[in-house]
Protein backbone atom coordinates (compact mmCIF):
# COMPACT_ATOMS: atom_id res chain seq x y z
CA MET A 1 28.54 -42.63 267.78
CA THR A 2 29.29 -39.63 265.64
CA ALA A 3 26.50 -37.80 263.88
CA PRO A 4 26.33 -38.27 260.12
CA THR A 5 27.24 -35.30 258.00
CA ALA A 6 24.61 -33.56 255.96
CA GLY A 7 24.36 -34.42 252.30
CA ALA A 8 24.00 -31.98 249.44
CA GLY A 9 21.05 -29.66 250.05
CA GLU A 10 20.36 -31.28 253.41
CA THR A 11 20.55 -29.52 256.73
CA SER A 12 22.26 -31.07 259.68
CA GLU A 13 18.93 -30.70 261.52
CA ALA A 14 17.23 -32.94 258.94
CA THR A 15 20.01 -35.50 259.26
CA ALA A 16 19.78 -35.43 263.06
CA THR A 17 15.99 -35.84 262.95
CA ARG A 18 16.18 -38.82 260.59
CA ARG A 19 18.88 -40.33 262.78
CA LEU A 20 16.65 -39.92 265.86
CA LEU A 21 13.71 -41.57 264.07
CA LEU A 22 15.87 -44.45 262.86
CA SER A 23 17.25 -44.91 266.38
CA ARG A 24 13.73 -45.07 267.78
CA VAL A 25 12.63 -47.53 265.09
CA VAL A 26 15.50 -49.95 265.67
CA THR A 27 15.03 -49.84 269.45
CA GLY A 28 11.28 -50.47 269.22
CA ARG A 29 10.24 -47.01 270.41
CA ALA A 30 8.72 -46.09 267.04
CA GLU A 31 7.14 -48.02 264.23
CA ALA A 32 9.17 -48.59 261.08
CA ASP A 33 6.27 -47.35 258.99
CA LEU A 34 6.95 -43.81 260.23
CA TYR A 35 10.13 -43.73 258.15
CA PRO A 36 9.82 -41.17 255.33
CA VAL A 37 9.91 -42.04 251.65
CA ARG A 38 11.22 -39.23 249.46
CA PHE A 39 9.75 -38.00 246.18
CA ARG A 40 10.67 -35.28 243.71
CA GLY A 41 8.46 -32.26 244.31
CA GLU A 42 7.04 -32.50 240.79
CA VAL A 43 4.78 -35.26 242.11
CA ILE A 44 2.50 -32.50 243.43
CA GLU A 45 2.02 -30.79 240.05
CA ARG A 46 -0.57 -33.37 238.95
CA TYR A 47 -2.85 -32.31 241.78
CA ARG A 48 -2.32 -28.59 241.30
CA ALA A 49 -3.80 -29.04 237.83
CA LEU A 50 -6.61 -31.41 238.87
CA PRO A 51 -10.04 -29.77 239.27
CA GLY A 52 -11.33 -30.17 242.81
CA ALA A 53 -7.98 -31.16 244.29
CA GLN A 54 -6.59 -29.14 247.17
CA VAL A 55 -2.89 -28.47 247.54
CA ILE A 56 -1.85 -26.41 250.54
CA ARG A 57 1.45 -25.85 252.31
CA THR A 58 3.30 -23.99 254.97
CA ARG A 59 7.07 -23.61 254.94
CA ASN A 60 7.80 -27.23 255.91
CA VAL A 61 4.63 -29.30 255.53
CA GLY A 62 1.81 -29.62 253.05
CA ARG A 63 -1.29 -31.57 252.18
CA VAL A 64 -2.61 -32.97 248.93
CA ALA A 65 -6.30 -33.81 249.04
CA LEU A 66 -9.21 -34.85 246.94
CA PRO A 67 -12.01 -33.85 249.34
CA ARG A 68 -14.22 -36.69 250.53
CA GLN A 69 -11.84 -39.18 248.89
CA TRP A 70 -8.33 -39.01 250.35
CA SER A 71 -5.63 -36.72 251.69
CA LEU A 72 -1.92 -37.09 252.17
CA ASP A 73 0.32 -34.99 254.39
CA VAL A 74 3.85 -34.36 253.13
CA GLY A 75 7.06 -32.96 254.51
CA ILE A 76 8.69 -30.32 252.30
CA ASP A 77 12.41 -29.76 251.82
CA ASP A 78 12.77 -26.48 249.93
CA ASP A 79 16.53 -26.95 249.61
CA THR A 80 16.14 -30.10 247.49
CA GLY A 81 12.63 -29.57 246.15
CA GLU A 82 11.64 -32.93 247.59
CA VAL A 83 8.60 -34.01 249.55
CA SER A 84 8.47 -36.93 251.95
CA VAL A 85 5.65 -39.17 253.12
CA PRO A 86 5.70 -41.72 255.96
CA LEU A 87 5.61 -45.27 254.66
CA ARG A 88 2.40 -45.94 256.62
CA ASP A 89 0.60 -43.16 254.74
CA LEU A 90 1.71 -44.44 251.35
CA ALA A 91 0.23 -47.81 252.27
CA GLY A 92 -2.83 -46.62 254.19
CA ARG A 93 -3.91 -43.27 252.81
CA LEU A 94 -2.74 -43.04 249.21
CA PRO A 95 -5.21 -44.81 246.91
CA GLU A 96 -3.82 -47.66 244.86
CA ALA A 97 -4.74 -45.82 241.65
CA GLU A 98 -2.39 -42.97 242.65
CA ARG A 99 0.61 -45.07 243.66
CA ASP A 100 2.26 -45.47 240.26
CA HIS A 101 2.25 -41.69 239.85
CA TRP A 102 4.05 -41.27 243.17
CA PHE A 103 6.42 -44.16 242.49
CA ASP A 104 7.39 -42.50 239.19
CA HIS A 105 8.70 -39.57 241.27
CA LEU A 106 10.54 -41.65 243.87
CA VAL A 107 13.92 -40.28 244.91
CA ASP A 108 16.25 -43.19 244.39
CA GLU A 109 18.34 -43.92 247.44
CA PRO A 110 21.84 -45.22 246.80
CA GLY A 111 22.15 -48.92 247.48
CA SER A 112 22.67 -52.37 246.06
CA ALA A 113 19.90 -53.59 243.76
CA VAL A 114 21.24 -57.15 244.08
CA PHE A 115 20.97 -56.98 247.87
CA LEU A 116 17.38 -55.72 247.63
CA ARG A 117 16.44 -58.57 245.29
CA MET A 118 17.94 -60.98 247.83
CA GLN A 119 15.65 -59.51 250.49
CA PHE A 120 12.59 -60.00 248.28
CA ALA A 121 13.45 -63.67 247.92
CA GLY A 122 13.81 -64.21 251.69
CA ALA A 123 17.03 -65.91 252.81
CA ALA A 124 18.07 -66.34 249.19
CA CYS A 125 21.62 -66.22 248.00
CA ILE A 126 22.42 -64.64 244.66
CA ASP A 127 25.57 -65.76 242.91
CA ASP A 128 27.25 -62.59 241.79
CA GLY A 129 30.82 -63.78 241.77
CA GLU A 130 33.58 -65.10 243.94
CA PRO A 131 34.17 -63.67 247.41
CA GLU A 132 36.64 -60.81 247.41
CA ALA A 133 38.52 -58.74 249.93
CA TRP A 134 36.66 -55.84 251.46
CA GLU A 135 38.87 -52.85 250.87
């Protein structure tokens, strides 16, 4: 297999690391919930302005916390301004009341919305036209 090329603002090291994680997930050596979900960095601004909240960072990682309530560790990509959070932490550490705020800053991954809706329905088929040649 050839290594994927880096996208805009993305280092080849980041691509290689995501590829390694994905490889481990699909071979059962890592849990799928480790996979990172990406958000625009502006998601953090809410907490920088919130009294009592703590927002700290190093060059590549950070933490958003409301002491004695919850905390969330994030990866930081200064090239894109994005932060990433493992899926397990979104589900297990981020309070439900905070989720819509984070979802509003979700970095949209390219993909087929129709295909995703098919997955929600479980083994469903969506009629979106006649079969056509794959070119």
